[in-house]
Amino acid sequence: MDYIWSDRKRHLGLPISFTKYSLSENRIFCQTGLFNLKEEEVLLYRVRDITLKRSFGQRIFGVGTVCLISTDKTSPHLDLANIKNPKEIKELIFEAVEQAKEARRMRATEIIDDGDGPHGDHHGEDGMFDDDFDDLDQ
């Protein structure tokens, strides 16, 4: 599989950890562990929000954390912690998310309701919005 970007979680600015992050054309991966591996993936078209966090210590070492909020059931919140060039990576992920949504001809619609309407509250059990993707062909 060809990756657009990959990096490791960094400590003191050095890539000395067993957490690897990778971005492909339509998915983002987080692999953790040395002997027992765990690999999480999020489909890019499911990403709803991207946030960049940089503490003072992270700024000193030139790293940051990119937080992805998605409608994925197993990984609704994925942090790419302590990655190098976080602003550029955030923009790269944003562009990849937009391309993935365009390729699937999808658009996200968030239903905001005060609960007084006939359909009630549209939030899922976890407080996140339900998966409200609509096909543009309709």
C-alpha atoms as a PDB file:
ATOM      1  CA  MET A   1       0.000   0.000   0.000  1.00  0.00           C
ATOM      2  CA  ASP A   2       1.290   3.438  -0.909  1.00  0.00           C
ATOM      3  CA  TYR A   3       1.176   6.029   1.842  1.00  0.00           C
ATOM      4  CA  ILE A   4       0.878   9.766   1.285  1.00  0.00           C
ATOM      5  CA  TRP A   5       2.476  10.406   4.689  1.00  0.00           C
ATOM      6  CA  SER A   6       3.815   8.419   7.626  1.00  0.00           C
ATOM      7  CA  ASP A   7       5.523   9.298  10.894  1.00  0.00           C
ATOM      8  CA  ARG A   8       6.084   8.048  14.432  1.00  0.00           C
ATOM      9  CA  LYS A   9       4.997   9.502  17.733  1.00  0.00           C
ATOM     10  CA  ARG A  10       7.941  11.522  18.994  1.00  0.00           C
ATOM     11  CA  HIS A  11       9.433  11.980  22.454  1.00  0.00           C
ATOM     12  CA  LEU A  12      11.589  15.071  22.927  1.00  0.00           C
ATOM     13  CA  GLY A  13      11.308  15.559  19.174  1.00  0.00           C
ATOM     14  CA  LEU A  14      12.823  12.141  18.389  1.00  0.00           C
ATOM     15  CA  PRO A  15      10.878   9.291  16.713  1.00  0.00           C
ATOM     16  CA  ILE A  16      11.616   6.770  19.472  1.00  0.00           C
ATOM     17  CA  SER A  17       8.280   5.109  20.099  1.00  0.00           C
ATOM     18  CA  PHE A  18       6.248   2.145  18.974  1.00  0.00           C
ATOM     19  CA  THR A  19       3.381   4.261  17.644  1.00  0.00           C
ATOM     20  CA  LYS A  20       3.263   4.741  13.875  1.00  0.00           C
ATOM     21  CA  TYR A  21       0.861   6.917  11.908  1.00  0.00           C
ATOM     22  CA  SER A  22       0.164   6.567   8.175  1.00  0.00           C
ATOM     23  CA  LEU A  23      -2.120   8.302   5.689  1.00  0.00           C
ATOM     24  CA  SER A  24      -3.268   6.609   2.497  1.00  0.00           C
ATOM     25  CA  GLU A  25      -5.566   7.873  -0.229  1.00  0.00           C
ATOM     26  CA  ASN A  26      -8.729   6.944   1.679  1.00  0.00           C
ATOM     27  CA  ARG A  27      -7.727   5.895   5.232  1.00  0.00           C
ATOM     28  CA  ILE A  28      -5.614   6.988   8.171  1.00  0.00           C
ATOM     29  CA  PHE A  29      -3.881   4.378  10.326  1.00  0.00           C
ATOM     30  CA  CYS A  30      -2.513   4.307  13.870  1.00  0.00           C
ATOM     31  CA  GLN A  31      -0.400   1.278  14.782  1.00  0.00           C
ATOM     32  CA  THR A  32       0.761   0.838  18.380  1.00  0.00           C
ATOM     33  CA  GLY A  33       2.780  -1.787  20.197  1.00  0.00           C
ATOM     34  CA  LEU A  34       5.983  -3.774  19.896  1.00  0.00           C
ATOM     35  CA  PHE A  35       5.030  -7.413  20.481  1.00  0.00           C
ATOM     36  CA  ASN A  36       1.250  -7.071  20.577  1.00  0.00           C
ATOM     37  CA  LEU A  37       0.241  -4.799  17.708  1.00  0.00           C
ATOM     38  CA  LYS A  38      -2.973  -2.832  17.560  1.00  0.00           C
ATOM     39  CA  GLU A  39      -3.920  -1.071  14.344  1.00  0.00           C
ATOM     40  CA  GLU A  40      -6.751   1.433  14.190  1.00  0.00           C
ATOM     41  CA  GLU A  41      -7.984   2.957  10.972  1.00  0.00           C
ATOM     42  CA  VAL A  42     -10.470   5.647  10.095  1.00  0.00           C
ATOM     43  CA  LEU A  43     -11.999   6.096   6.665  1.00  0.00           C
ATOM     44  CA  LEU A  44     -11.261   9.656   5.579  1.00  0.00           C
ATOM     45  CA  TYR A  45     -14.771  10.393   4.343  1.00  0.00           C
ATOM     46  CA  ARG A  46     -16.000   9.835   7.928  1.00  0.00           C
ATOM     47  CA  VAL A  47     -13.808  12.616   9.394  1.00  0.00           C
ATOM     48  CA  ARG A  48     -15.951  15.509  10.634  1.00  0.00           C
ATOM     49  CA  ASP A  49     -13.420  17.789  12.341  1.00  0.00           C
ATOM     50  CA  ILE A  50      -9.652  18.275  12.478  1.00  0.00           C
ATOM     51  CA  THR A  51      -7.975  20.150  15.328  1.00  0.00           C
ATOM     52  CA  LEU A  52      -4.336  21.031  15.997  1.00  0.00           C
ATOM     53  CA  LYS A  53      -3.056  21.219  19.577  1.00  0.00           C
ATOM     54  CA  ARG A  54       0.452  22.428  20.462  1.00  0.00           C
ATOM     55  CA  SER A  55       1.582  22.833  24.043  1.00  0.00           C
ATOM     56  CA  PHE A  56       4.567  24.961  24.953  1.00  0.00           C
ATOM     57  CA  GLY A  57       6.762  21.859  25.215  1.00  0.00           C
ATOM     58  CA  GLN A  58       5.569  20.593  21.845  1.00  0.00           C
ATOM     59  CA  ARG A  59       6.380  23.944  20.239  1.00  0.00           C
ATOM     60  CA  ILE A  60       9.918  23.801  21.682  1.00  0.00           C
ATOM     61  CA  PHE A  61      10.509  20.411  20.039  1.00  0.00           C
ATOM     62  CA  GLY A  62       8.689  21.261  16.791  1.00  0.00           C
ATOM     63  CA  VAL A  63       5.861  18.755  17.209  1.00  0.00           C
ATOM     64  CA  GLY A  64       2.113  18.869  17.802  1.00  0.00           C
ATOM     65  CA  THR A  65      -1.017  16.742  18.073  1.00  0.00           C
ATOM     66  CA  VAL A  66      -3.580  16.555  15.277  1.00  0.00           C
ATOM     67  CA  CYS A  67      -6.989  15.448  16.610  1.00  0.00           C
ATOM     68  CA  LEU A  68      -9.505  13.825  14.272  1.00  0.00           C
ATOM     69  CA  ILE A  69     -13.204  13.616  15.164  1.00  0.00           C
ATOM     70  CA  SER A  70     -15.100  11.150  12.998  1.00  0.00           C
ATOM     71  CA  THR A  71     -18.321   9.188  12.784  1.00  0.00           C
ATOM     72  CA  ASP A  72     -16.340   5.945  12.974  1.00  0.00           C
ATOM     73  CA  LYS A  73     -17.917   3.643  15.565  1.00  0.00           C
ATOM     74  CA  THR A  74     -14.688   2.119  16.946  1.00  0.00           C
ATOM     75  CA  SER A  75     -12.445   5.211  16.786  1.00  0.00           C
ATOM     76  CA  PRO A  76     -14.564   8.370  16.911  1.00  0.00           C
ATOM     77  CA  HIS A  77     -11.599  10.334  18.308  1.00  0.00           C
ATOM     78  CA  LEU A  78      -8.097   9.682  16.935  1.00  0.00           C
ATOM     79  CA  ASP A  79      -5.094  11.696  18.118  1.00  0.00           C
ATOM     80  CA  LEU A  80      -1.915  11.809  16.051  1.00  0.00           C
ATOM     81  CA  ALA A  81       0.244  12.725  19.026  1.00  0.00           C
ATOM     82  CA  ASN A  82       3.606  14.488  18.870  1.00  0.00           C
ATOM     83  CA  ILE A  83       4.057  14.450  15.097  1.00  0.00           C
ATOM     84  CA  LYS A  84       6.586  16.552  13.219  1.00  0.00           C
ATOM     85  CA  ASN A  85       5.301  19.458  11.061  1.00  0.00           C
ATOM     86  CA  PRO A  86       1.777  19.298  12.531  1.00  0.00           C
ATOM     87  CA  LYS A  87       0.374  22.311  10.620  1.00  0.00           C
ATOM     88  CA  GLU A  88       1.408  20.861   7.267  1.00  0.00           C
ATOM     89  CA  ILE A  89       0.076  17.418   8.202  1.00  0.00           C
ATOM     90  CA  LYS A  90      -3.249  18.901   9.334  1.00  0.00           C
ATOM     91  CA  GLU A  91      -3.627  20.585   5.938  1.00  0.00           C
ATOM     92  CA  LEU A  92      -2.564  17.406   4.127  1.00  0.00           C
ATOM     93  CA  ILE A  93      -5.205  15.409   6.013  1.00  0.00           C
ATOM     94  CA  PHE A  94      -7.822  18.099   5.318  1.00  0.00           C
ATOM     95  CA  GLU A  95      -7.128  17.912   1.578  1.00  0.00           C
ATOM     96  CA  ALA A  96      -7.233  14.095   1.646  1.00  0.00           C
ATOM     97  CA  VAL A  97     -10.556  14.166   3.539  1.00  0.00           C
ATOM     98  CA  GLU A  98     -12.073  16.546   0.993  1.00  0.00           C
ATOM     99  CA  GLN A  99     -10.842  14.391  -1.905  1.00  0.00           C
ATOM    100  CA  ALA A 100     -12.238  11.236  -0.273  1.00  0.00           C
ATOM    101  CA  LYS A 101     -15.631  12.884   0.222  1.00  0.00           C
ATOM    102  CA  GLU A 102     -15.629  14.165  -3.357  1.00  0.00           C
ATOM    103  CA  ALA A 103     -14.668  10.731  -4.701  1.00  0.00           C
ATOM    104  CA  ARG A 104     -17.650   9.209  -2.903  1.00  0.00           C
ATOM    105  CA  ARG A 105     -19.815  12.162  -3.970  1.00  0.00           C
ATOM    106  CA  MET A 106     -20.814  12.683  -0.357  1.00  0.00           C
ATOM    107  CA  ARG A 107     -21.659  15.725   1.690  1.00  0.00           C
ATOM    108  CA  ALA A 108     -22.023  15.923   5.436  1.00  0.00           C
ATOM    109  CA  THR A 109     -25.173  17.408   6.906  1.00  0.00           C
ATOM    110  CA  GLU A 110     -25.332  18.101  10.587  1.00  0.00           C
ATOM    111  CA  ILE A 111     -28.811  18.284  12.004  1.00  0.00           C
ATOM    112  CA  ILE A 112     -29.005  20.702  14.879  1.00  0.00           C
ATOM    113  CA  ASP A 113     -32.280  20.458  16.730  1.00  0.00           C
ATOM    114  CA  ASP A 114     -33.466  21.852  20.038  1.00  0.00           C
ATOM    115  CA  GLY A 115     -35.438  18.663  20.703  1.00  0.00           C
ATOM    116  CA  ASP A 116     -38.864  20.337  20.250  1.00  0.00           C
ATOM    117  CA  GLY A 117     -39.382  19.053  16.712  1.00  0.00           C
ATOM    118  CA  PRO A 118     -41.278  15.895  15.777  1.00  0.00           C
ATOM    119  CA  HIS A 119     -38.047  13.965  15.313  1.00  0.00           C
ATOM    120  CA  GLY A 120     -36.525  14.771  18.711  1.00  0.00           C
ATOM    121  CA  ASP A 121     -32.815  14.806  19.377  1.00  0.00           C
ATOM    122  CA  HIS A 122     -30.556  13.569  16.574  1.00  0.00           C
ATOM    123  CA  HIS A 123     -27.523  12.825  18.737  1.00  0.00           C
ATOM    124  CA  GLY A 124     -26.201   9.279  19.083  1.00  0.00           C
ATOM    125  CA  GLU A 125     -25.573   7.545  22.393  1.00  0.00           C
ATOM    126  CA  ASP A 126     -22.108   9.047  22.679  1.00  0.00           C
ATOM    127  CA  GLY A 127     -23.336  12.638  22.159  1.00  0.00           C
ATOM    128  CA  MET A 128     -21.927  12.792  18.621  1.00  0.00           C
ATOM    129  CA  PHE A 129     -24.161  13.460  15.645  1.00  0.00           C
ATOM    130  CA  ASP A 130     -25.547  10.426  13.905  1.00  0.00           C
ATOM    131  CA  ASP A 131     -23.960   9.518  10.579  1.00  0.00           C
ATOM    132  CA  ASP A 132     -25.896  11.901   8.306  1.00  0.00           C
ATOM    133  CA  PHE A 133     -24.220  11.530   4.937  1.00  0.00           C
ATOM    134  CA  ASP A 134     -26.340  12.063   1.870  1.00  0.00           C
ATOM    135  CA  ASP A 135     -25.638  11.113  -1.706  1.00  0.00           C
ATOM    136  CA  LEU A 136     -25.474  14.130  -4.015  1.00  0.00           C
ATOM    137  CA  ASP A 137     -27.286  12.180  -6.739  1.00  0.00           C
ATOM    138  CA  GLN A 138     -30.593  12.310  -4.876  1.00  0.00           C
END
